[in-house]
């Protein structure tokens, strides 16, 4: 179905507003992936506060002008599924990498975070970046472990002195 100019402007404006709020962006080639699987990916993205769109490259290129992701404009080619991370920079990367493991035809193309184009290793590193909640949980567990270790050493010293 052909889009008229007004509809195209709406799409460009909507994606531009989301891009300005986003922390990172990742693109992939959704060819050979069933629509049902893409819909499941969309449902998972809602929980992670990630926005996913299948959009024509020309509209996406115009949407990314004057955003932190303008470096991606020249790299857009072929079918594109784009995801914007709104809450945590690694959310979209984590989502795409998990999806890619179950669907080998799903090819991750590019990602940008902090105004830098990332290679596949850096995309994996971004996906492994802990969320705020995960980081606090690890920190609390570390504090507990340190406290328990000190307590056990102190207890051992006391028992040794009593003998």
C-alpha atoms as a PDB file:
ATOM      1  CA  UNK A   1       0.000   0.000   0.000  1.00  0.00           C
ATOM      2  CA  UNK A   2       1.404   3.360  -1.041  1.00  0.00           C
ATOM      3  CA  UNK A   3       1.761   6.073   1.565  1.00  0.00           C
ATOM      4  CA  UNK A   4       0.713   9.616   0.854  1.00  0.00           C
ATOM      5  CA  UNK A   5       2.939  12.550   1.797  1.00  0.00           C
ATOM      6  CA  UNK A   6       1.077  13.350   5.005  1.00  0.00           C
ATOM      7  CA  UNK A   7       1.394   9.777   6.258  1.00  0.00           C
ATOM      8  CA  UNK A   8       5.107   9.775   5.405  1.00  0.00           C
ATOM      9  CA  UNK A   9       5.581  13.053   7.325  1.00  0.00           C
ATOM     10  CA  UNK A  10       3.802  11.558  10.339  1.00  0.00           C
ATOM     11  CA  UNK A  11       6.058   8.493  10.275  1.00  0.00           C
ATOM     12  CA  UNK A  12       9.197  10.638   9.961  1.00  0.00           C
ATOM     13  CA  UNK A  13       8.107  12.910  12.815  1.00  0.00           C
ATOM     14  CA  UNK A  14       7.161   9.966  15.074  1.00  0.00           C
ATOM     15  CA  UNK A  15      10.461   8.136  14.552  1.00  0.00           C
ATOM     16  CA  UNK A  16      12.441  11.370  14.878  1.00  0.00           C
ATOM     17  CA  UNK A  17      10.833  12.080  18.274  1.00  0.00           C
ATOM     18  CA  UNK A  18      11.610   8.552  19.468  1.00  0.00           C
ATOM     19  CA  UNK A  19      15.199   8.778  18.186  1.00  0.00           C
ATOM     20  CA  UNK A  20      15.757  12.006  20.119  1.00  0.00           C
ATOM     21  CA  UNK A  21      14.675  10.253  23.356  1.00  0.00           C
ATOM     22  CA  UNK A  22      16.621   7.033  22.695  1.00  0.00           C
ATOM     23  CA  UNK A  23      19.865   5.934  24.313  1.00  0.00           C
ATOM     24  CA  UNK A  24      20.856   3.551  21.528  1.00  0.00           C
ATOM     25  CA  UNK A  25      19.631   2.164  18.233  1.00  0.00           C
ATOM     26  CA  UNK A  26      20.137  -1.187  16.530  1.00  0.00           C
ATOM     27  CA  UNK A  27      19.160  -2.406  13.060  1.00  0.00           C
ATOM     28  CA  UNK A  28      18.704  -5.876  11.634  1.00  0.00           C
ATOM     29  CA  UNK A  29      17.612  -7.612   8.463  1.00  0.00           C
ATOM     30  CA  UNK A  30      14.216  -9.260   9.101  1.00  0.00           C
ATOM     31  CA  UNK A  31      14.170 -11.165   5.781  1.00  0.00           C
ATOM     32  CA  UNK A  32      13.142 -14.816   5.958  1.00  0.00           C
ATOM     33  CA  UNK A  33      11.629 -14.314   9.436  1.00  0.00           C
ATOM     34  CA  UNK A  34       7.962 -15.148   9.871  1.00  0.00           C
ATOM     35  CA  UNK A  35       5.606 -12.304  10.773  1.00  0.00           C
ATOM     36  CA  UNK A  36       4.429 -14.188  13.880  1.00  0.00           C
ATOM     37  CA  UNK A  37       7.992 -14.284  15.202  1.00  0.00           C
ATOM     38  CA  UNK A  38       8.428 -10.556  14.573  1.00  0.00           C
ATOM     39  CA  UNK A  39       5.157  -9.936  16.438  1.00  0.00           C
ATOM     40  CA  UNK A  40       6.452 -11.959  19.410  1.00  0.00           C
ATOM     41  CA  UNK A  41       9.629  -9.866  19.296  1.00  0.00           C
ATOM     42  CA  UNK A  42       7.491  -6.708  19.394  1.00  0.00           C
ATOM     43  CA  UNK A  43       5.611  -7.992  22.469  1.00  0.00           C
ATOM     44  CA  UNK A  44       8.890  -8.668  24.279  1.00  0.00           C
ATOM     45  CA  UNK A  45      10.154  -5.221  23.306  1.00  0.00           C
ATOM     46  CA  UNK A  46       7.230  -3.532  25.045  1.00  0.00           C
ATOM     47  CA  UNK A  47       8.298  -5.070  28.369  1.00  0.00           C
ATOM     48  CA  UNK A  48      11.857  -3.764  27.906  1.00  0.00           C
ATOM     49  CA  UNK A  49      10.748  -0.266  26.837  1.00  0.00           C
ATOM     50  CA  UNK A  50      12.165  -0.764  23.345  1.00  0.00           C
ATOM     51  CA  UNK A  51      10.410   0.615  20.257  1.00  0.00           C
ATOM     52  CA  UNK A  52      10.596  -1.558  17.123  1.00  0.00           C
ATOM     53  CA  UNK A  53       9.677  -0.537  13.579  1.00  0.00           C
ATOM     54  CA  UNK A  54       9.921  -1.970  10.103  1.00  0.00           C
ATOM     55  CA  UNK A  55      10.264   1.136   7.993  1.00  0.00           C
ATOM     56  CA  UNK A  56      11.520   2.080   4.567  1.00  0.00           C
ATOM     57  CA  UNK A  57      15.132   3.204   4.568  1.00  0.00           C
ATOM     58  CA  UNK A  58      14.336   6.553   2.951  1.00  0.00           C
ATOM     59  CA  UNK A  59      11.866   7.392   5.723  1.00  0.00           C
ATOM     60  CA  UNK A  60      14.274   6.168   8.406  1.00  0.00           C
ATOM     61  CA  UNK A  61      17.108   8.222   6.910  1.00  0.00           C
ATOM     62  CA  UNK A  62      14.982  11.365   7.020  1.00  0.00           C
ATOM     63  CA  UNK A  63      13.895  10.523  10.571  1.00  0.00           C
ATOM     64  CA  UNK A  64      17.463  10.264  11.843  1.00  0.00           C
ATOM     65  CA  UNK A  65      18.565  13.674  10.560  1.00  0.00           C
ATOM     66  CA  UNK A  66      19.582  15.981  13.448  1.00  0.00           C
ATOM     67  CA  UNK A  67      19.678  13.151  15.992  1.00  0.00           C
ATOM     68  CA  UNK A  68      22.535  11.350  17.747  1.00  0.00           C
ATOM     69  CA  UNK A  69      22.085   8.522  15.249  1.00  0.00           C
ATOM     70  CA  UNK A  70      22.669  10.464  12.016  1.00  0.00           C
ATOM     71  CA  UNK A  71      25.865   8.421  11.400  1.00  0.00           C
ATOM     72  CA  UNK A  72      23.621   5.459  10.624  1.00  0.00           C
ATOM     73  CA  UNK A  73      22.046   7.177   7.600  1.00  0.00           C
ATOM     74  CA  UNK A  74      24.786   6.168   5.168  1.00  0.00           C
ATOM     75  CA  UNK A  75      24.820   2.551   6.418  1.00  0.00           C
ATOM     76  CA  UNK A  76      21.127   1.845   5.798  1.00  0.00           C
ATOM     77  CA  UNK A  77      20.459  -0.610   2.986  1.00  0.00           C
ATOM     78  CA  UNK A  78      18.163  -3.533   2.326  1.00  0.00           C
ATOM     79  CA  UNK A  79      15.218  -4.541   4.531  1.00  0.00           C
ATOM     80  CA  UNK A  80      15.520  -2.887   7.930  1.00  0.00           C
ATOM     81  CA  UNK A  81      14.038  -3.600  11.325  1.00  0.00           C
ATOM     82  CA  UNK A  82      15.050  -0.839  13.708  1.00  0.00           C
ATOM     83  CA  UNK A  83      14.875  -0.842  17.506  1.00  0.00           C
ATOM     84  CA  UNK A  84      15.278   2.124  19.843  1.00  0.00           C
ATOM     85  CA  UNK A  85      16.331   1.622  23.486  1.00  0.00           C
ATOM     86  CA  UNK A  86      14.511   4.165  25.611  1.00  0.00           C
ATOM     87  CA  UNK A  87      15.384   3.146  29.183  1.00  0.00           C
ATOM     88  CA  UNK A  88      18.626   1.152  29.104  1.00  0.00           C
ATOM     89  CA  UNK A  89      21.178   1.408  26.267  1.00  0.00           C
ATOM     90  CA  UNK A  90      21.604  -2.362  26.014  1.00  0.00           C
ATOM     91  CA  UNK A  91      17.929  -3.361  25.979  1.00  0.00           C
ATOM     92  CA  UNK A  92      17.459  -3.476  22.219  1.00  0.00           C
ATOM     93  CA  UNK A  93      20.820  -5.168  21.676  1.00  0.00           C
ATOM     94  CA  UNK A  94      20.012  -7.798  24.291  1.00  0.00           C
ATOM     95  CA  UNK A  95      16.608  -8.390  22.701  1.00  0.00           C
ATOM     96  CA  UNK A  96      18.031  -8.751  19.172  1.00  0.00           C
ATOM     97  CA  UNK A  97      20.879 -11.032  20.255  1.00  0.00           C
ATOM     98  CA  UNK A  98      18.500 -13.394  22.073  1.00  0.00           C
ATOM     99  CA  UNK A  99      16.191 -13.383  19.048  1.00  0.00           C
ATOM    100  CA  UNK A 100      19.144 -14.043  16.720  1.00  0.00           C
ATOM    101  CA  UNK A 101      20.138 -17.161  18.684  1.00  0.00           C
ATOM    102  CA  UNK A 102      16.727 -18.738  18.010  1.00  0.00           C
ATOM    103  CA  UNK A 103      16.446 -17.376  14.447  1.00  0.00           C
ATOM    104  CA  UNK A 104      19.753 -17.637  12.549  1.00  0.00           C
ATOM    105  CA  UNK A 105      18.323 -15.879   9.452  1.00  0.00           C
ATOM    106  CA  UNK A 106      17.858 -12.731  11.556  1.00  0.00           C
ATOM    107  CA  UNK A 107      21.002 -10.711  10.838  1.00  0.00           C
ATOM    108  CA  UNK A 108      22.032  -7.836  13.085  1.00  0.00           C
ATOM    109  CA  UNK A 109      23.429  -5.070  10.890  1.00  0.00           C
ATOM    110  CA  UNK A 110      24.405  -1.976  12.881  1.00  0.00           C
ATOM    111  CA  UNK A 111      24.089  -0.285  16.228  1.00  0.00           C
ATOM    112  CA  UNK A 112      24.902   3.138  17.580  1.00  0.00           C
ATOM    113  CA  UNK A 113      25.380   4.082  21.204  1.00  0.00           C
ATOM    114  CA  UNK A 114      26.813   7.338  22.508  1.00  0.00           C
ATOM    115  CA  UNK A 115      27.279   8.632  18.970  1.00  0.00           C
ATOM    116  CA  UNK A 116      29.541   5.706  17.986  1.00  0.00           C
ATOM    117  CA  UNK A 117      28.866   2.988  15.410  1.00  0.00           C
ATOM    118  CA  UNK A 118      29.395  -0.367  17.115  1.00  0.00           C
ATOM    119  CA  UNK A 119      30.820  -3.570  15.654  1.00  0.00           C
ATOM    120  CA  UNK A 120      29.345  -6.986  16.564  1.00  0.00           C
ATOM    121  CA  UNK A 121      31.650  -7.468  19.569  1.00  0.00           C
ATOM    122  CA  UNK A 122      30.701  -4.049  20.931  1.00  0.00           C
ATOM    123  CA  UNK A 123      27.008  -4.834  20.337  1.00  0.00           C
ATOM    124  CA  UNK A 124      27.452  -8.009  22.422  1.00  0.00           C
ATOM    125  CA  UNK A 125      29.210  -6.000  25.136  1.00  0.00           C
ATOM    126  CA  UNK A 126      26.380  -3.475  25.120  1.00  0.00           C
ATOM    127  CA  UNK A 127      23.865  -6.296  25.520  1.00  0.00           C
ATOM    128  CA  UNK A 128      25.785  -7.627  28.529  1.00  0.00           C
ATOM    129  CA  UNK A 129      25.737  -4.234  30.232  1.00  0.00           C
ATOM    130  CA  UNK A 130      23.707  -4.695  33.435  1.00  0.00           C
ATOM    131  CA  UNK A 131      20.523  -2.747  33.959  1.00  0.00           C
ATOM    132  CA  UNK A 132      20.197  -0.415  36.938  1.00  0.00           C
ATOM    133  CA  UNK A 133      18.377  -3.076  38.961  1.00  0.00           C
ATOM    134  CA  UNK A 134      20.905  -5.783  38.055  1.00  0.00           C
ATOM    135  CA  UNK A 135      23.829  -3.539  39.016  1.00  0.00           C
ATOM    136  CA  UNK A 136      22.311  -2.671  42.401  1.00  0.00           C
ATOM    137  CA  UNK A 137      21.534  -6.346  43.073  1.00  0.00           C
ATOM    138  CA  UNK A 138      25.130  -7.350  42.286  1.00  0.00           C
ATOM    139  CA  UNK A 139      26.439  -4.551  44.493  1.00  0.00           C
ATOM    140  CA  UNK A 140      24.245  -5.578  47.455  1.00  0.00           C
ATOM    141  CA  UNK A 141      25.285  -9.220  47.057  1.00  0.00           C
ATOM    142  CA  UNK A 142      28.924  -8.162  46.966  1.00  0.00           C
ATOM    143  CA  UNK A 143      28.479  -6.126  50.169  1.00  0.00           C
ATOM    144  CA  UNK A 144      26.812  -9.104  51.855  1.00  0.00           C
ATOM    145  CA  UNK A 145      29.643 -11.377  50.779  1.00  0.00           C
ATOM    146  CA  UNK A 146      32.287  -8.976  52.070  1.00  0.00           C
ATOM    147  CA  UNK A 147      30.471  -8.532  55.399  1.00  0.00           C
ATOM    148  CA  UNK A 148      30.032 -12.270  55.849  1.00  0.00           C
ATOM    149  CA  UNK A 149      33.697 -12.885  55.031  1.00  0.00           C
ATOM    150  CA  UNK A 150      34.825 -10.346  57.635  1.00  0.00           C
ATOM    151  CA  UNK A 151      32.462 -11.843  60.187  1.00  0.00           C
ATOM    152  CA  UNK A 152      33.780 -15.370  59.579  1.00  0.00           C
ATOM    153  CA  UNK A 153      37.430 -14.221  59.828  1.00  0.00           C
ATOM    154  CA  UNK A 154      36.671 -12.404  63.071  1.00  0.00           C
ATOM    155  CA  UNK A 155      34.854 -15.465  64.426  1.00  0.00           C
ATOM    156  CA  UNK A 156      37.808 -17.669  63.464  1.00  0.00           C
ATOM    157  CA  UNK A 157      40.251 -15.318  65.227  1.00  0.00           C
ATOM    158  CA  UNK A 158      38.166 -15.330  68.393  1.00  0.00           C
ATOM    159  CA  UNK A 159      37.870 -19.133  68.471  1.00  0.00           C
ATOM    160  CA  UNK A 160      41.611 -19.484  67.876  1.00  0.00           C
ATOM    161  CA  UNK A 161      42.388 -17.156  70.829  1.00  0.00           C
ATOM    162  CA  UNK A 162      40.040 -19.112  73.099  1.00  0.00           C
ATOM    163  CA  UNK A 163      41.882 -22.386  72.449  1.00  0.00           C
END
